[in-house]
Amino acid sequence: MEKLNQKKFAIASGLTSVVIYLGCFLIMTVLGKDSLVKLSNLLFHGMDFSNIIRVNIPIGETLLGAVTSFIFWGIIGYLLALIYNKMK
């Protein structure tokens, strides 16, 4: 088994999370509240999202969320690569 480059894996994990985060933001923007509630209720069986979904999210909050996601999942990716490399 080859060693994983921890920094590259961390960056890849962080960037992947940002793509998913911004994709979710785009879906929320395009669908509108009613369609988004229906989609969320289909994805999460038995839950009702009609009272908790908010579609008017400011761009600043979205960017902060994307940065936070990058940092969080970057750390997770780094730790995964570190543990993987130690298991050899």
N, C-alpha and C. Protein backbone atom coordinates (compact mmCIF):
# COMPACT_ATOMS: atom_id res chain seq x y z
N MET A 1 0.84 -1.19 0.00
CA MET A 1 0.00 0.00 0.00
C MET A 1 0.88 1.24 0.00
N GLU A 2 0.47 2.19 -0.80
CA GLU A 2 1.19 3.46 -0.83
C GLU A 2 0.70 4.37 0.28
N LYS A 3 1.59 5.26 0.70
CA LYS A 3 1.20 6.26 1.68
C LYS A 3 0.38 7.35 1.00
N LEU A 4 -0.56 7.88 1.74
CA LEU A 4 -1.34 9.01 1.24
C LEU A 4 -0.64 10.30 1.64
N ASN A 5 -0.64 11.27 0.75
CA ASN A 5 -0.13 12.59 1.08
C ASN A 5 -1.23 13.29 1.89
N GLN A 6 -0.95 13.50 3.17
CA GLN A 6 -1.96 14.01 4.09
C GLN A 6 -2.46 15.40 3.70
N LYS A 7 -1.56 16.27 3.28
CA LYS A 7 -1.97 17.63 2.91
C LYS A 7 -2.85 17.62 1.67
N LYS A 8 -2.46 16.83 0.65
CA LYS A 8 -3.25 16.77 -0.57
C LYS A 8 -4.62 16.14 -0.31
N PHE A 9 -4.65 15.12 0.54
CA PHE A 9 -5.92 14.47 0.87
C PHE A 9 -6.82 15.44 1.64
N ALA A 10 -6.23 16.23 2.52
CA ALA A 10 -6.99 17.22 3.28
C ALA A 10 -7.59 18.27 2.36
N ILE A 11 -6.79 18.76 1.42
CA ILE A 11 -7.28 19.77 0.47
C ILE A 11 -8.37 19.18 -0.42
N ALA A 12 -8.17 17.95 -0.88
CA ALA A 12 -9.18 17.30 -1.72
C ALA A 12 -10.49 17.11 -0.95
N SER A 13 -10.39 16.73 0.32
CA SER A 13 -11.59 16.56 1.14
C SER A 13 -12.30 17.89 1.33
N GLY A 14 -11.54 18.93 1.63
CA GLY A 14 -12.12 20.25 1.82
C GLY A 14 -12.78 20.78 0.56
N LEU A 15 -12.11 20.64 -0.58
CA LEU A 15 -12.68 21.12 -1.85
C LEU A 15 -13.93 20.34 -2.24
N THR A 16 -13.92 19.05 -1.99
CA THR A 16 -15.11 18.23 -2.27
C THR A 16 -16.29 18.71 -1.44
N SER A 17 -16.04 19.02 -0.18
CA SER A 17 -17.13 19.50 0.68
C SER A 17 -17.67 20.84 0.20
N VAL A 18 -16.81 21.71 -0.32
CA VAL A 18 -17.25 23.00 -0.83
C VAL A 18 -18.11 22.82 -2.08
N VAL A 19 -17.72 21.90 -2.95
CA VAL A 19 -18.52 21.63 -4.15
C VAL A 19 -19.91 21.14 -3.76
N ILE A 20 -19.97 20.22 -2.80
CA ILE A 20 -21.26 19.70 -2.33
C ILE A 20 -22.06 20.81 -1.67
N TYR A 21 -21.41 21.62 -0.85
CA TYR A 21 -22.09 22.72 -0.14
C TYR A 21 -22.68 23.73 -1.12
N LEU A 22 -21.89 24.15 -2.09
CA LEU A 22 -22.37 25.13 -3.07
C LEU A 22 -23.42 24.51 -4.00
N GLY A 23 -23.29 23.22 -4.29
CA GLY A 23 -24.31 22.53 -5.07
C GLY A 23 -25.65 22.51 -4.34
N CYS A 24 -25.60 22.27 -3.05
CA CYS A 24 -26.80 22.30 -2.22
C CYS A 24 -27.40 23.70 -2.22
N PHE A 25 -26.56 24.72 -2.10
CA PHE A 25 -27.02 26.11 -2.12
C PHE A 25 -27.71 26.41 -3.46
N LEU A 26 -27.11 25.95 -4.55
CA LEU A 26 -27.68 26.19 -5.87
C LEU A 26 -29.04 25.50 -6.02
N ILE A 27 -29.15 24.27 -5.54
CA ILE A 27 -30.42 23.55 -5.59
C ILE A 27 -31.47 24.28 -4.78
N MET A 28 -31.08 24.77 -3.60
CA MET A 28 -32.03 25.51 -2.76
C MET A 28 -32.50 26.78 -3.46
N THR A 29 -31.60 27.44 -4.16
CA THR A 29 -31.93 28.68 -4.85
C THR A 29 -32.86 28.43 -6.03
N VAL A 30 -32.61 27.37 -6.77
CA VAL A 30 -33.37 27.08 -7.98
C VAL A 30 -34.76 26.52 -7.66
N LEU A 31 -34.85 25.62 -6.69
CA LEU A 31 -36.10 24.92 -6.44
C LEU A 31 -37.18 25.79 -5.80
N GLY A 32 -36.82 26.64 -4.89
CA GLY A 32 -37.84 27.36 -4.13
C GLY A 32 -38.30 26.53 -2.95
N LYS A 33 -39.00 27.16 -2.03
CA LYS A 33 -39.31 26.52 -0.75
C LYS A 33 -40.20 25.28 -0.89
N ASP A 34 -41.28 25.36 -1.64
CA ASP A 34 -42.21 24.22 -1.71
C ASP A 34 -41.55 22.97 -2.30
N SER A 35 -40.85 23.13 -3.40
CA SER A 35 -40.17 21.98 -4.01
C SER A 35 -39.04 21.48 -3.13
N LEU A 36 -38.37 22.39 -2.45
CA LEU A 36 -37.27 21.99 -1.57
C LEU A 36 -37.79 21.19 -0.38
N VAL A 37 -38.93 21.59 0.16
CA VAL A 37 -39.54 20.83 1.26
C VAL A 37 -39.90 19.43 0.79
N LYS A 38 -40.49 19.32 -0.41
CA LYS A 38 -40.86 18.00 -0.95
C LYS A 38 -39.62 17.13 -1.14
N LEU A 39 -38.56 17.70 -1.71
CA LEU A 39 -37.32 16.95 -1.93
C LEU A 39 -36.71 16.50 -0.60
N SER A 40 -36.65 17.39 0.36
CA SER A 40 -36.07 17.06 1.67
C SER A 40 -36.88 15.97 2.36
N ASN A 41 -38.20 16.07 2.28
CA ASN A 41 -39.05 15.05 2.90
C ASN A 41 -38.87 13.69 2.23
N LEU A 42 -38.59 13.68 0.91
CA LEU A 42 -38.34 12.42 0.22
C LEU A 42 -36.99 11.81 0.64
N LEU A 43 -35.99 12.67 0.80
CA LEU A 43 -34.65 12.18 1.13
C LEU A 43 -34.54 11.69 2.57
N PHE A 44 -35.26 12.34 3.48
CA PHE A 44 -35.20 11.99 4.90
C PHE A 44 -36.56 11.48 5.33
N HIS A 45 -36.74 10.19 5.25
CA HIS A 45 -38.02 9.54 5.51
C HIS A 45 -38.53 9.87 6.91
N GLY A 46 -39.80 10.22 6.98
CA GLY A 46 -40.44 10.42 8.26
C GLY A 46 -40.20 11.78 8.89
N MET A 47 -39.47 12.66 8.22
CA MET A 47 -39.23 13.99 8.78
C MET A 47 -40.01 15.02 7.97
N ASP A 48 -40.46 16.06 8.66
CA ASP A 48 -41.17 17.15 8.00
C ASP A 48 -40.32 18.41 8.08
N PHE A 49 -39.86 18.88 6.93
CA PHE A 49 -38.96 20.03 6.87
C PHE A 49 -39.70 21.36 6.63
N SER A 50 -41.01 21.31 6.56
CA SER A 50 -41.76 22.52 6.18
C SER A 50 -41.57 23.68 7.15
N ASN A 51 -41.31 23.40 8.40
CA ASN A 51 -41.15 24.48 9.39
C ASN A 51 -39.70 24.93 9.60
N ILE A 52 -38.75 24.19 9.08
CA ILE A 52 -37.35 24.53 9.39
C ILE A 52 -36.52 24.96 8.19
N ILE A 53 -37.03 24.80 6.98
CA ILE A 53 -36.26 25.18 5.80
C ILE A 53 -36.33 26.68 5.58
N ARG A 54 -35.17 27.24 5.33
CA ARG A 54 -35.04 28.67 5.07
C ARG A 54 -34.36 28.81 3.71
N VAL A 55 -34.98 29.52 2.78
CA VAL A 55 -34.41 29.61 1.43
C VAL A 55 -33.72 30.94 1.16
N ASN A 56 -34.00 31.95 1.91
CA ASN A 56 -33.37 33.27 1.70
C ASN A 56 -32.10 33.38 2.54
N ILE A 57 -31.05 32.75 2.07
CA ILE A 57 -29.78 32.73 2.80
C ILE A 57 -28.85 33.75 2.16
N PRO A 58 -28.36 34.71 2.94
CA PRO A 58 -27.47 35.74 2.38
C PRO A 58 -26.17 35.13 1.84
N ILE A 59 -25.60 35.77 0.83
CA ILE A 59 -24.38 35.26 0.20
C ILE A 59 -23.21 35.21 1.19
N GLY A 60 -23.15 36.17 2.10
CA GLY A 60 -22.09 36.16 3.11
C GLY A 60 -22.16 34.94 4.01
N GLU A 61 -23.36 34.57 4.39
CA GLU A 61 -23.56 33.38 5.22
C GLU A 61 -23.20 32.12 4.44
N THR A 62 -23.51 32.12 3.16
CA THR A 62 -23.17 30.98 2.30
C THR A 62 -21.65 30.84 2.18
N LEU A 63 -20.97 31.94 1.97
CA LEU A 63 -19.50 31.89 1.85
C LEU A 63 -18.86 31.46 3.16
N LEU A 64 -19.37 31.96 4.28
CA LEU A 64 -18.85 31.55 5.59
C LEU A 64 -19.08 30.05 5.79
N GLY A 65 -20.24 29.56 5.40
CA GLY A 65 -20.52 28.13 5.51
C GLY A 65 -19.59 27.30 4.65
N ALA A 66 -19.28 27.79 3.44
CA ALA A 66 -18.37 27.06 2.55
C ALA A 66 -16.96 27.01 3.13
N VAL A 67 -16.50 28.12 3.69
CA VAL A 67 -15.17 28.16 4.31
C VAL A 67 -15.13 27.24 5.53
N THR A 68 -16.17 27.29 6.34
CA THR A 68 -16.24 26.42 7.53
C THR A 68 -16.25 24.95 7.12
N SER A 69 -17.00 24.63 6.07
CA SER A 69 -17.05 23.26 5.57
C SER A 69 -15.68 22.81 5.08
N PHE A 70 -14.99 23.69 4.34
CA PHE A 70 -13.65 23.36 3.86
C PHE A 70 -12.70 23.05 5.02
N ILE A 71 -12.72 23.89 6.04
CA ILE A 71 -11.83 23.69 7.19
C ILE A 71 -12.17 22.39 7.93
N PHE A 72 -13.47 22.21 8.22
CA PHE A 72 -13.90 21.02 8.97
C PHE A 72 -13.53 19.74 8.23
N TRP A 73 -13.94 19.64 6.95
CA TRP A 73 -13.68 18.41 6.19
C TRP A 73 -12.22 18.28 5.79
N GLY A 74 -11.50 19.39 5.71
CA GLY A 74 -10.06 19.32 5.49
C GLY A 74 -9.36 18.66 6.67
N ILE A 75 -9.77 19.03 7.87
CA ILE A 75 -9.21 18.41 9.09
C ILE A 75 -9.55 16.93 9.13
N ILE A 76 -10.81 16.61 8.82
CA ILE A 76 -11.22 15.20 8.80
C ILE A 76 -10.40 14.42 7.77
N GLY A 77 -10.21 14.98 6.59
CA GLY A 77 -9.41 14.32 5.55
C GLY A 77 -7.98 14.12 5.99
N TYR A 78 -7.40 15.12 6.64
CA TYR A 78 -6.03 15.02 7.13
C TYR A 78 -5.92 13.88 8.15
N LEU A 79 -6.88 13.83 9.07
CA LEU A 79 -6.85 12.77 10.09
C LEU A 79 -7.05 11.39 9.48
N LEU A 80 -7.92 11.28 8.48
CA LEU A 80 -8.13 9.99 7.81
C LEU A 80 -6.83 9.52 7.15
N ALA A 81 -6.15 10.43 6.44
CA ALA A 81 -4.90 10.06 5.79
C ALA A 81 -3.84 9.70 6.83
N LEU A 82 -3.79 10.44 7.93
CA LEU A 82 -2.83 10.17 8.99
C LEU A 82 -3.05 8.78 9.58
N ILE A 83 -4.30 8.46 9.89
CA ILE A 83 -4.61 7.14 10.44
C ILE A 83 -4.32 6.05 9.42
N TYR A 84 -4.68 6.27 8.17
CA TYR A 84 -4.41 5.29 7.13
C TYR A 84 -2.92 5.01 7.02
N ASN A 85 -2.10 6.06 7.04
CA ASN A 85 -0.65 5.90 6.92
C ASN A 85 -0.05 5.19 8.14
N LYS A 86 -0.64 5.37 9.31
CA LYS A 86 -0.13 4.73 10.53
C LYS A 86 -0.50 3.25 10.60
N MET A 87 -1.50 2.84 9.85
CA MET A 87 -1.98 1.45 9.93
C MET A 87 -1.11 0.50 9.12
N LYS A 88 -0.17 1.01 8.40
CA LYS A 88 0.68 0.15 7.56
C LYS A 88 1.68 -0.61 8.35
